[in-house]
């Protein structure tokens, strides 16, 4: 009798909390520093959600540890619908799969809300690199082993370097960063010469001639850079693991709050003004149901595990 009463009281408290949600400002936590594509997407969506939810939506940057700092912060947060994690595949795939003792489980420690979209990645080099295409970059790297610095700040950039190294036998010095924006700043400053990055941080510099684009990680040419070949056209290995962003809450987030946030998020992603701002970043918006996101995460864990294994990247 006491057990049933406790369950009933807990359910009633959860329902009351969901009905009064949101009762205060909402935080969307990011794993990257300000200035990158995820930061821009979060702020555009957050502003639109503030209007529809009637509460401020605050973007909070917590970079470091490949996204683990932000992920753990959200995983430990109260599951009351006021703290969410706009995560990329780095935090939800790289950390759980490449650490022998991962600090969290992307399935058990989080509540999936919605897929948000997919990133476009561009292979860029500094103008100081005498390469106009991927073949010339590989030849230059072979002739200058270890002299090119490669900026790596995510699972994608780490995996693509591993693929380049395996397929072309090139040797570059990997320089780790906490995010995309500082990586691009250091390429512009001459400290590193090569990386994969999103149009948010690179497009203006490519147009100005401060960076040179050699390939995109897309199945077809990117509309904003139609002259740049795809990875397949450039002779790079296929990249089958997804590069995406999705919204999560802590585990045990009430279903009513998940449903409401999913509805509001997918609605703002359909707004023409929102889509126009985000399209300019080279980020492809794509929503989902919570169930679709949960199935997608399980599929991606398999795909990323295979990709890491094939690239020779093992848990450390």
C-alpha atoms as a PDB file:
ATOM      1  CA  UNK A   1       0.000   0.000   0.000  1.00  0.00           C
ATOM      2  CA  UNK A   2       2.795   2.401   0.932  1.00  0.00           C
ATOM      3  CA  UNK A   3       4.657   1.555  -2.289  1.00  0.00           C
ATOM      4  CA  UNK A   4       1.601   2.322  -4.427  1.00  0.00           C
ATOM      5  CA  UNK A   5       1.076   5.555  -2.519  1.00  0.00           C
ATOM      6  CA  UNK A   6       4.697   6.590  -3.143  1.00  0.00           C
ATOM      7  CA  UNK A   7       4.370   5.810  -6.851  1.00  0.00           C
ATOM      8  CA  UNK A   8       1.098   7.752  -7.031  1.00  0.00           C
ATOM      9  CA  UNK A   9       2.594  10.769  -5.255  1.00  0.00           C
ATOM     10  CA  UNK A  10       5.660  10.729  -7.510  1.00  0.00           C
ATOM     11  CA  UNK A  11       3.478  10.551 -10.610  1.00  0.00           C
ATOM     12  CA  UNK A  12       1.301  13.382  -9.341  1.00  0.00           C
ATOM     13  CA  UNK A  13       4.345  15.548  -8.621  1.00  0.00           C
ATOM     14  CA  UNK A  14       5.739  14.829 -12.101  1.00  0.00           C
ATOM     15  CA  UNK A  15       2.430  15.751 -13.745  1.00  0.00           C
ATOM     16  CA  UNK A  16       2.130  18.952 -11.722  1.00  0.00           C
ATOM     17  CA  UNK A  17       5.683  19.902 -12.650  1.00  0.00           C
ATOM     18  CA  UNK A  18       5.025  19.228 -16.336  1.00  0.00           C
ATOM     19  CA  UNK A  19       1.797  21.248 -16.308  1.00  0.00           C
ATOM     20  CA  UNK A  20       3.583  24.265 -14.824  1.00  0.00           C
ATOM     21  CA  UNK A  21       6.544  23.999 -17.210  1.00  0.00           C
ATOM     22  CA  UNK A  22       8.480  26.097 -17.905  1.00  0.00           C
ATOM     23  CA  UNK A  23       8.461  27.870 -14.571  1.00  0.00           C
ATOM     24  CA  UNK A  24      11.808  29.666 -14.957  1.00  0.00           C
ATOM     25  CA  UNK A  25      14.498  30.334 -17.585  1.00  0.00           C
ATOM     26  CA  UNK A  26      15.688  27.331 -19.583  1.00  0.00           C
ATOM     27  CA  UNK A  27      19.365  26.564 -20.087  1.00  0.00           C
ATOM     28  CA  UNK A  28      20.688  24.995 -23.276  1.00  0.00           C
ATOM     29  CA  UNK A  29      24.199  23.754 -22.495  1.00  0.00           C
ATOM     30  CA  UNK A  30      26.799  23.445 -25.264  1.00  0.00           C
ATOM     31  CA  UNK A  31      30.068  21.527 -25.363  1.00  0.00           C
ATOM     32  CA  UNK A  32      31.775  24.167 -27.538  1.00  0.00           C
ATOM     33  CA  UNK A  33      33.003  27.721 -26.892  1.00  0.00           C
ATOM     34  CA  UNK A  34      31.175  30.682 -28.459  1.00  0.00           C
ATOM     35  CA  UNK A  35      31.558  31.382 -32.163  1.00  0.00           C
ATOM     36  CA  UNK A  36      31.177  27.945 -33.750  1.00  0.00           C
ATOM     37  CA  UNK A  37      28.267  26.551 -35.730  1.00  0.00           C
ATOM     38  CA  UNK A  38      26.639  24.817 -32.741  1.00  0.00           C
ATOM     39  CA  UNK A  39      26.747  28.062 -30.774  1.00  0.00           C
ATOM     40  CA  UNK A  40      25.067  30.002 -33.595  1.00  0.00           C
ATOM     41  CA  UNK A  41      22.395  27.327 -34.111  1.00  0.00           C
ATOM     42  CA  UNK A  42      21.673  27.196 -30.365  1.00  0.00           C
ATOM     43  CA  UNK A  43      21.276  30.970 -30.082  1.00  0.00           C
ATOM     44  CA  UNK A  44      18.954  31.210 -33.091  1.00  0.00           C
ATOM     45  CA  UNK A  45      16.795  28.352 -31.828  1.00  0.00           C
ATOM     46  CA  UNK A  46      16.951  29.632 -28.250  1.00  0.00           C
ATOM     47  CA  UNK A  47      15.652  33.040 -29.237  1.00  0.00           C
ATOM     48  CA  UNK A  48      12.747  31.493 -31.138  1.00  0.00           C
ATOM     49  CA  UNK A  49      11.958  29.105 -28.265  1.00  0.00           C
ATOM     50  CA  UNK A  50      11.927  32.006 -25.809  1.00  0.00           C
ATOM     51  CA  UNK A  51       9.064  33.507 -27.796  1.00  0.00           C
ATOM     52  CA  UNK A  52       7.028  30.310 -27.967  1.00  0.00           C
ATOM     53  CA  UNK A  53       7.651  29.103 -24.397  1.00  0.00           C
ATOM     54  CA  UNK A  54       7.281  32.454 -22.650  1.00  0.00           C
ATOM     55  CA  UNK A  55      10.557  32.080 -20.709  1.00  0.00           C
ATOM     56  CA  UNK A  56      14.117  33.159 -21.517  1.00  0.00           C
ATOM     57  CA  UNK A  57      16.251  30.444 -23.118  1.00  0.00           C
ATOM     58  CA  UNK A  58      19.889  30.921 -22.112  1.00  0.00           C
ATOM     59  CA  UNK A  59      22.785  29.350 -24.012  1.00  0.00           C
ATOM     60  CA  UNK A  60      25.561  28.245 -21.657  1.00  0.00           C
ATOM     61  CA  UNK A  61      28.961  27.234 -23.098  1.00  0.00           C
ATOM     62  CA  UNK A  62      30.871  24.553 -21.185  1.00  0.00           C
ATOM     63  CA  UNK A  63      33.715  23.466 -23.490  1.00  0.00           C
ATOM     64  CA  UNK A  64      36.415  20.924 -22.786  1.00  0.00           C
ATOM     65  CA  UNK A  65      37.102  17.191 -22.478  1.00  0.00           C
ATOM     66  CA  UNK A  66      35.558  16.425 -25.911  1.00  0.00           C
ATOM     67  CA  UNK A  67      32.156  17.505 -24.616  1.00  0.00           C
ATOM     68  CA  UNK A  68      32.256  15.433 -21.440  1.00  0.00           C
ATOM     69  CA  UNK A  69      32.160  18.493 -19.157  1.00  0.00           C
ATOM     70  CA  UNK A  70      28.903  19.738 -20.672  1.00  0.00           C
ATOM     71  CA  UNK A  71      27.428  16.244 -20.906  1.00  0.00           C
ATOM     72  CA  UNK A  72      28.118  15.391 -17.268  1.00  0.00           C
ATOM     73  CA  UNK A  73      26.725  18.731 -16.147  1.00  0.00           C
ATOM     74  CA  UNK A  74      23.404  18.014 -17.860  1.00  0.00           C
ATOM     75  CA  UNK A  75      23.355  14.363 -16.796  1.00  0.00           C
ATOM     76  CA  UNK A  76      23.571  15.503 -13.146  1.00  0.00           C
ATOM     77  CA  UNK A  77      20.983  18.275 -13.537  1.00  0.00           C
ATOM     78  CA  UNK A  78      17.529  18.101 -11.992  1.00  0.00           C
ATOM     79  CA  UNK A  79      15.175  16.484 -14.552  1.00  0.00           C
ATOM     80  CA  UNK A  80      12.672  19.314 -14.339  1.00  0.00           C
ATOM     81  CA  UNK A  81      12.885  20.489 -17.954  1.00  0.00           C
ATOM     82  CA  UNK A  82      14.969  23.587 -17.302  1.00  0.00           C
ATOM     83  CA  UNK A  83      18.353  22.183 -18.394  1.00  0.00           C
ATOM     84  CA  UNK A  84      19.028  20.665 -21.825  1.00  0.00           C
ATOM     85  CA  UNK A  85      22.095  19.593 -23.779  1.00  0.00           C
ATOM     86  CA  UNK A  86      22.472  20.516 -27.447  1.00  0.00           C
ATOM     87  CA  UNK A  87      24.999  17.797 -28.137  1.00  0.00           C
ATOM     88  CA  UNK A  88      27.023  16.805 -31.144  1.00  0.00           C
ATOM     89  CA  UNK A  89      28.246  13.368 -32.109  1.00  0.00           C
ATOM     90  CA  UNK A  90      31.570  14.147 -30.363  1.00  0.00           C
ATOM     91  CA  UNK A  91      30.128  14.098 -26.842  1.00  0.00           C
ATOM     92  CA  UNK A  92      27.623  11.319 -27.515  1.00  0.00           C
ATOM     93  CA  UNK A  93      29.814   9.024 -29.653  1.00  0.00           C
ATOM     94  CA  UNK A  94      33.501   9.799 -29.200  1.00  0.00           C
ATOM     95  CA  UNK A  95      33.550  10.032 -25.398  1.00  0.00           C
ATOM     96  CA  UNK A  96      31.522   6.841 -24.720  1.00  0.00           C
ATOM     97  CA  UNK A  97      33.305   4.814 -27.414  1.00  0.00           C
ATOM     98  CA  UNK A  98      36.925   5.958 -27.081  1.00  0.00           C
ATOM     99  CA  UNK A  99      37.298   5.892 -23.308  1.00  0.00           C
ATOM    100  CA  UNK A 100      37.877   2.657 -21.448  1.00  0.00           C
ATOM    101  CA  UNK A 101      35.917   4.067 -18.520  1.00  0.00           C
ATOM    102  CA  UNK A 102      33.391   6.471 -20.065  1.00  0.00           C
ATOM    103  CA  UNK A 103      31.874   8.955 -17.591  1.00  0.00           C
ATOM    104  CA  UNK A 104      28.325   8.478 -18.907  1.00  0.00           C
ATOM    105  CA  UNK A 105      26.116   6.378 -21.152  1.00  0.00           C
ATOM    106  CA  UNK A 106      24.488   8.312 -24.029  1.00  0.00           C
ATOM    107  CA  UNK A 107      21.375   6.139 -23.792  1.00  0.00           C
ATOM    108  CA  UNK A 108      20.919   5.524 -20.049  1.00  0.00           C
ATOM    109  CA  UNK A 109      21.981   8.918 -18.677  1.00  0.00           C
ATOM    110  CA  UNK A 110      19.983  11.151 -21.013  1.00  0.00           C
ATOM    111  CA  UNK A 111      16.465  11.632 -22.344  1.00  0.00           C
ATOM    112  CA  UNK A 112      16.301  12.155 -26.085  1.00  0.00           C
ATOM    113  CA  UNK A 113      14.116  15.107 -27.150  1.00  0.00           C
ATOM    114  CA  UNK A 114      14.736  15.696 -30.853  1.00  0.00           C
ATOM    115  CA  UNK A 115      17.288  15.545 -33.600  1.00  0.00           C
ATOM    116  CA  UNK A 116      18.203  19.120 -34.555  1.00  0.00           C
ATOM    117  CA  UNK A 117      20.177  18.679 -37.747  1.00  0.00           C
ATOM    118  CA  UNK A 118      23.383  17.757 -39.510  1.00  0.00           C
ATOM    119  CA  UNK A 119      26.680  19.561 -39.942  1.00  0.00           C
ATOM    120  CA  UNK A 120      28.447  20.358 -43.185  1.00  0.00           C
ATOM    121  CA  UNK A 121      32.230  19.925 -42.924  1.00  0.00           C
ATOM    122  CA  UNK A 122      34.829  21.450 -45.237  1.00  0.00           C
ATOM    123  CA  UNK A 123      38.499  20.483 -45.504  1.00  0.00           C
ATOM    124  CA  UNK A 124      40.379  23.790 -45.385  1.00  0.00           C
ATOM    125  CA  UNK A 125      44.040  24.742 -45.546  1.00  0.00           C
ATOM    126  CA  UNK A 126      45.911  27.962 -44.911  1.00  0.00           C
ATOM    127  CA  UNK A 127      47.065  29.918 -47.990  1.00  0.00           C
ATOM    128  CA  UNK A 128      50.648  29.120 -46.983  1.00  0.00           C
ATOM    129  CA  UNK A 129      50.009  25.492 -47.972  1.00  0.00           C
ATOM    130  CA  UNK A 130      50.889  25.101 -51.687  1.00  0.00           C
ATOM    131  CA  UNK A 131      47.986  22.763 -52.447  1.00  0.00           C
ATOM    132  CA  UNK A 132      44.996  23.521 -54.661  1.00  0.00           C
ATOM    133  CA  UNK A 133      43.359  20.089 -54.200  1.00  0.00           C
ATOM    134  CA  UNK A 134      43.478  17.017 -51.962  1.00  0.00           C
ATOM    135  CA  UNK A 135      46.013  15.176 -54.131  1.00  0.00           C
ATOM    136  CA  UNK A 136      48.415  18.116 -53.878  1.00  0.00           C
ATOM    137  CA  UNK A 137      47.860  18.333 -50.120  1.00  0.00           C
ATOM    138  CA  UNK A 138      48.736  14.662 -49.715  1.00  0.00           C
ATOM    139  CA  UNK A 139      51.838  15.062 -51.895  1.00  0.00           C
ATOM    140  CA  UNK A 140      52.944  18.122 -49.908  1.00  0.00           C
ATOM    141  CA  UNK A 141      52.380  16.319 -46.582  1.00  0.00           C
ATOM    142  CA  UNK A 142      54.398  13.318 -47.790  1.00  0.00           C
ATOM    143  CA  UNK A 143      57.265  15.560 -48.841  1.00  0.00           C
ATOM    144  CA  UNK A 144      57.171  17.373 -45.496  1.00  0.00           C
ATOM    145  CA  UNK A 145      56.430  14.698 -42.865  1.00  0.00           C
ATOM    146  CA  UNK A 146      55.299  16.132 -39.555  1.00  0.00           C
ATOM    147  CA  UNK A 147      55.674  19.752 -40.676  1.00  0.00           C
ATOM    148  CA  UNK A 148      51.974  20.389 -41.261  1.00  0.00           C
ATOM    149  CA  UNK A 149      49.896  21.070 -38.131  1.00  0.00           C
ATOM    150  CA  UNK A 150      46.388  19.615 -38.155  1.00  0.00           C
ATOM    151  CA  UNK A 151      43.803  21.262 -35.881  1.00  0.00           C
ATOM    152  CA  UNK A 152      41.555  18.682 -34.189  1.00  0.00           C
ATOM    153  CA  UNK A 153      38.625  19.649 -31.960  1.00  0.00           C
ATOM    154  CA  UNK A 154      35.972  16.937 -32.360  1.00  0.00           C
ATOM    155  CA  UNK A 155      35.332  13.288 -33.127  1.00  0.00           C
ATOM    156  CA  UNK A 156      34.847  14.150 -36.792  1.00  0.00           C
ATOM    157  CA  UNK A 157      38.156  15.987 -37.130  1.00  0.00           C
ATOM    158  CA  UNK A 158      39.972  13.268 -35.204  1.00  0.00           C
ATOM    159  CA  UNK A 159      38.437  10.508 -37.307  1.00  0.00           C
ATOM    160  CA  UNK A 160      39.101  12.277 -40.614  1.00  0.00           C
ATOM    161  CA  UNK A 161      42.755  12.754 -39.699  1.00  0.00           C
ATOM    162  CA  UNK A 162      42.971   9.050 -38.913  1.00  0.00           C
ATOM    163  CA  UNK A 163      41.384   8.225 -42.273  1.00  0.00           C
ATOM    164  CA  UNK A 164      43.754  10.551 -44.119  1.00  0.00           C
ATOM    165  CA  UNK A 165      46.718   8.993 -42.347  1.00  0.00           C
ATOM    166  CA  UNK A 166      45.629   5.441 -43.141  1.00  0.00           C
ATOM    167  CA  UNK A 167      44.657   5.982 -46.771  1.00  0.00           C
ATOM    168  CA  UNK A 168      47.387   8.387 -47.891  1.00  0.00           C
ATOM    169  CA  UNK A 169      50.159   7.499 -45.408  1.00  0.00           C
ATOM    170  CA  UNK A 170      50.652  11.178 -44.569  1.00  0.00           C
ATOM    171  CA  UNK A 171      52.135  12.383 -41.307  1.00  0.00           C
ATOM    172  CA  UNK A 172      50.817  15.593 -39.722  1.00  0.00           C
ATOM    173  CA  UNK A 173      51.253  16.959 -36.213  1.00  0.00           C
ATOM    174  CA  UNK A 174      47.858  16.917 -34.475  1.00  0.00           C
ATOM    175  CA  UNK A 175      47.137  20.013 -32.365  1.00  0.00           C
ATOM    176  CA  UNK A 176      44.113  19.561 -30.041  1.00  0.00           C
ATOM    177  CA  UNK A 177      41.574  22.342 -29.482  1.00  0.00           C
ATOM    178  CA  UNK A 178      38.450  22.757 -27.358  1.00  0.00           C
ATOM    179  CA  UNK A 179      36.346  24.033 -30.230  1.00  0.00           C
ATOM    180  CA  UNK A 180      36.031  25.065 -33.844  1.00  0.00           C
ATOM    181  CA  UNK A 181      36.374  28.845 -33.420  1.00  0.00           C
ATOM    182  CA  UNK A 182      39.818  28.778 -31.728  1.00  0.00           C
ATOM    183  CA  UNK A 183      41.016  26.245 -34.323  1.00  0.00           C
ATOM    184  CA  UNK A 184      40.131  28.572 -37.193  1.00  0.00           C
ATOM    185  CA  UNK A 185      41.648  31.528 -35.336  1.00  0.00           C
ATOM    186  CA  UNK A 186      44.944  29.652 -35.144  1.00  0.00           C
ATOM    187  CA  UNK A 187      44.848  28.723 -38.838  1.00  0.00           C
ATOM    188  CA  UNK A 188      44.338  32.386 -39.672  1.00  0.00           C
ATOM    189  CA  UNK A 189      47.190  33.206 -37.294  1.00  0.00           C
ATOM    190  CA  UNK A 190      49.525  30.714 -38.954  1.00  0.00           C
ATOM    191  CA  UNK A 191      49.834  28.259 -36.050  1.00  0.00           C
ATOM    192  CA  UNK A 192      48.070  25.352 -37.784  1.00  0.00           C
ATOM    193  CA  UNK A 193      47.572  24.705 -41.480  1.00  0.00           C
ATOM    194  CA  UNK A 194      44.868  22.073 -41.961  1.00  0.00           C
ATOM    195  CA  UNK A 195      41.497  21.124 -40.456  1.00  0.00           C
ATOM    196  CA  UNK A 196      37.910  20.146 -41.180  1.00  0.00           C
ATOM    197  CA  UNK A 197      35.435  22.836 -40.105  1.00  0.00           C
ATOM    198  CA  UNK A 198      31.910  24.076 -40.759  1.00  0.00           C
ATOM    199  CA  UNK A 199      30.889  26.966 -43.040  1.00  0.00           C
ATOM    200  CA  UNK A 200      29.942  29.001 -39.954  1.00  0.00           C
ATOM    201  CA  UNK A 201      33.617  29.538 -39.166  1.00  0.00           C
ATOM    202  CA  UNK A 202      35.129  29.226 -42.638  1.00  0.00           C
ATOM    203  CA  UNK A 203      32.829  30.544 -45.366  1.00  0.00           C
ATOM    204  CA  UNK A 204      33.700  34.245 -45.097  1.00  0.00           C
ATOM    205  CA  UNK A 205      37.427  33.442 -44.908  1.00  0.00           C
ATOM    206  CA  UNK A 206      37.174  31.146 -47.942  1.00  0.00           C
ATOM    207  CA  UNK A 207      35.461  33.902 -49.913  1.00  0.00           C
ATOM    208  CA  UNK A 208      38.155  36.394 -48.817  1.00  0.00           C
ATOM    209  CA  UNK A 209      40.988  34.046 -49.798  1.00  0.00           C
ATOM    210  CA  UNK A 210      42.213  33.643 -46.207  1.00  0.00           C
ATOM    211  CA  UNK A 211      41.415  29.924 -46.300  1.00  0.00           C
ATOM    212  CA  UNK A 212      41.354  27.463 -49.185  1.00  0.00           C
ATOM    213  CA  UNK A 213      38.591  24.814 -49.350  1.00  0.00           C
ATOM    214  CA  UNK A 214      39.635  21.458 -50.816  1.00  0.00           C
ATOM    215  CA  UNK A 215      36.621  19.189 -50.215  1.00  0.00           C
ATOM    216  CA  UNK A 216      33.311  18.829 -48.362  1.00  0.00           C
ATOM    217  CA  UNK A 217      31.992  15.877 -46.384  1.00  0.00           C
ATOM    218  CA  UNK A 218      28.750  15.677 -48.337  1.00  0.00           C
ATOM    219  CA  UNK A 219      27.254  13.231 -50.856  1.00  0.00           C
ATOM    220  CA  UNK A 220      26.619  16.141 -53.263  1.00  0.00           C
ATOM    221  CA  UNK A 221      28.252  19.536 -53.748  1.00  0.00           C
ATOM    222  CA  UNK A 222      27.452  22.196 -51.159  1.00  0.00           C
ATOM    223  CA  UNK A 223      25.239  24.975 -52.561  1.00  0.00           C
ATOM    224  CA  UNK A 224      27.252  27.755 -50.876  1.00  0.00           C
ATOM    225  CA  UNK A 225      30.557  26.373 -52.255  1.00  0.00           C
ATOM    226  CA  UNK A 226      29.576  24.815 -55.596  1.00  0.00           C
ATOM    227  CA  UNK A 227      33.146  24.880 -56.925  1.00  0.00           C
ATOM    228  CA  UNK A 228      34.453  22.681 -54.071  1.00  0.00           C
ATOM    229  CA  UNK A 229      34.397  18.915 -54.768  1.00  0.00           C
ATOM    230  CA  UNK A 230      32.858  16.361 -52.437  1.00  0.00           C
ATOM    231  CA  UNK A 231      35.098  14.003 -50.480  1.00  0.00           C
ATOM    232  CA  UNK A 232      34.384  11.218 -52.977  1.00  0.00           C
ATOM    233  CA  UNK A 233      35.213  13.466 -55.927  1.00  0.00           C
ATOM    234  CA  UNK A 234      38.439  14.505 -54.226  1.00  0.00           C
ATOM    235  CA  UNK A 235      39.485  10.916 -53.577  1.00  0.00           C
ATOM    236  CA  UNK A 236      38.972  10.913 -49.818  1.00  0.00           C
ATOM    237  CA  UNK A 237      37.684   7.809 -48.017  1.00  0.00           C
ATOM    238  CA  UNK A 238      33.919   7.610 -47.463  1.00  0.00           C
ATOM    239  CA  UNK A 239      32.615   9.012 -44.195  1.00  0.00           C
ATOM    240  CA  UNK A 240      29.559   6.984 -43.193  1.00  0.00           C
ATOM    241  CA  UNK A 241      29.220   7.964 -39.517  1.00  0.00           C
ATOM    242  CA  UNK A 242      26.818  10.876 -39.109  1.00  0.00           C
ATOM    243  CA  UNK A 243      27.807  14.405 -38.097  1.00  0.00           C
ATOM    244  CA  UNK A 244      24.790  15.749 -36.250  1.00  0.00           C
ATOM    245  CA  UNK A 245      23.377  17.722 -33.337  1.00  0.00           C
ATOM    246  CA  UNK A 246      20.465  16.733 -31.114  1.00  0.00           C
ATOM    247  CA  UNK A 247      18.721  17.964 -27.978  1.00  0.00           C
ATOM    248  CA  UNK A 248      18.787  15.888 -24.791  1.00  0.00           C
ATOM    249  CA  UNK A 249      17.610  16.312 -21.231  1.00  0.00           C
ATOM    250  CA  UNK A 250      18.755  14.438 -18.129  1.00  0.00           C
ATOM    251  CA  UNK A 251      17.499  10.915 -17.562  1.00  0.00           C
ATOM    252  CA  UNK A 252      13.968  10.609 -16.112  1.00  0.00           C
ATOM    253  CA  UNK A 253      12.747  13.809 -17.753  1.00  0.00           C
ATOM    254  CA  UNK A 254       8.913  13.679 -17.551  1.00  0.00           C
ATOM    255  CA  UNK A 255       7.286  12.508 -20.764  1.00  0.00           C
ATOM    256  CA  UNK A 256       4.945  15.510 -20.796  1.00  0.00           C
ATOM    257  CA  UNK A 257       7.888  17.927 -20.827  1.00  0.00           C
ATOM    258  CA  UNK A 258       9.678  15.901 -23.512  1.00  0.00           C
ATOM    259  CA  UNK A 259       6.572  15.991 -25.702  1.00  0.00           C
ATOM    260  CA  UNK A 260       6.069  19.738 -25.231  1.00  0.00           C
ATOM    261  CA  UNK A 261       9.707  20.628 -25.869  1.00  0.00           C
ATOM    262  CA  UNK A 262       9.766  18.368 -28.920  1.00  0.00           C
ATOM    263  CA  UNK A 263       6.639  20.040 -30.298  1.00  0.00           C
ATOM    264  CA  UNK A 264       7.930  23.577 -29.708  1.00  0.00           C
ATOM    265  CA  UNK A 265      11.419  22.851 -31.055  1.00  0.00           C
ATOM    266  CA  UNK A 266      10.178  21.210 -34.251  1.00  0.00           C
ATOM    267  CA  UNK A 267       7.734  24.093 -34.751  1.00  0.00           C
ATOM    268  CA  UNK A 268      10.421  26.798 -34.529  1.00  0.00           C
ATOM    269  CA  UNK A 269      12.664  24.817 -36.879  1.00  0.00           C
ATOM    270  CA  UNK A 270       9.962  25.200 -39.528  1.00  0.00           C
ATOM    271  CA  UNK A 271       9.833  28.988 -39.220  1.00  0.00           C
ATOM    272  CA  UNK A 272      11.190  30.661 -42.394  1.00  0.00           C
ATOM    273  CA  UNK A 273      13.120  33.291 -40.433  1.00  0.00           C
ATOM    274  CA  UNK A 274      14.822  30.605 -38.333  1.00  0.00           C
ATOM    275  CA  UNK A 275      15.648  28.455 -41.339  1.00  0.00           C
ATOM    276  CA  UNK A 276      17.085  31.403 -43.247  1.00  0.00           C
ATOM    277  CA  UNK A 277      19.478  32.309 -40.412  1.00  0.00           C
ATOM    278  CA  UNK A 278      20.633  28.726 -39.912  1.00  0.00           C
ATOM    279  CA  UNK A 279      20.872  27.861 -43.615  1.00  0.00           C
ATOM    280  CA  UNK A 280      23.487  30.597 -43.918  1.00  0.00           C
ATOM    281  CA  UNK A 281      25.641  28.624 -41.451  1.00  0.00           C
ATOM    282  CA  UNK A 282      25.697  25.550 -43.672  1.00  0.00           C
ATOM    283  CA  UNK A 283      23.804  23.577 -41.032  1.00  0.00           C
ATOM    284  CA  UNK A 284      20.950  21.377 -42.275  1.00  0.00           C
ATOM    285  CA  UNK A 285      17.999  21.513 -39.858  1.00  0.00           C
ATOM    286  CA  UNK A 286      16.207  18.208 -39.389  1.00  0.00           C
ATOM    287  CA  UNK A 287      13.889  17.401 -36.489  1.00  0.00           C
ATOM    288  CA  UNK A 288      12.520  14.104 -35.221  1.00  0.00           C
ATOM    289  CA  UNK A 289      10.304  12.524 -32.609  1.00  0.00           C
ATOM    290  CA  UNK A 290      11.943  11.441 -29.331  1.00  0.00           C
ATOM    291  CA  UNK A 291      11.494   7.814 -30.391  1.00  0.00           C
ATOM    292  CA  UNK A 292      13.195   8.439 -33.722  1.00  0.00           C
ATOM    293  CA  UNK A 293      16.109  10.144 -31.978  1.00  0.00           C
ATOM    294  CA  UNK A 294      16.551   7.266 -29.535  1.00  0.00           C
ATOM    295  CA  UNK A 295      16.632   4.750 -32.395  1.00  0.00           C
ATOM    296  CA  UNK A 296      19.040   6.992 -34.312  1.00  0.00           C
ATOM    297  CA  UNK A 297      21.443   7.185 -31.348  1.00  0.00           C
ATOM    298  CA  UNK A 298      21.587   3.397 -31.109  1.00  0.00           C
ATOM    299  CA  UNK A 299      22.266   3.142 -34.851  1.00  0.00           C
ATOM    300  CA  UNK A 300      24.965   5.795 -34.650  1.00  0.00           C
ATOM    301  CA  UNK A 301      26.735   4.028 -31.796  1.00  0.00           C
ATOM    302  CA  UNK A 302      27.146   1.027 -34.091  1.00  0.00           C
ATOM    303  CA  UNK A 303      28.262   3.179 -37.052  1.00  0.00           C
ATOM    304  CA  UNK A 304      30.765   5.228 -35.051  1.00  0.00           C
ATOM    305  CA  UNK A 305      32.154   2.150 -33.319  1.00  0.00           C
ATOM    306  CA  UNK A 306      32.826   0.586 -36.713  1.00  0.00           C
ATOM    307  CA  UNK A 307      34.319   3.821 -38.109  1.00  0.00           C
ATOM    308  CA  UNK A 308      36.679   4.224 -35.139  1.00  0.00           C
ATOM    309  CA  UNK A 309      37.727   0.576 -35.349  1.00  0.00           C
ATOM    310  CA  UNK A 310      38.419   0.766 -39.095  1.00  0.00           C
ATOM    311  CA  UNK A 311      40.480   3.925 -38.561  1.00  0.00           C
ATOM    312  CA  UNK A 312      42.558   2.192 -35.888  1.00  0.00           C
ATOM    313  CA  UNK A 313      41.199   4.366 -33.073  1.00  0.00           C
ATOM    314  CA  UNK A 314      40.798   2.317 -29.892  1.00  0.00           C
ATOM    315  CA  UNK A 315      39.561   3.155 -26.373  1.00  0.00           C
ATOM    316  CA  UNK A 316      42.206   4.731 -24.157  1.00  0.00           C
END
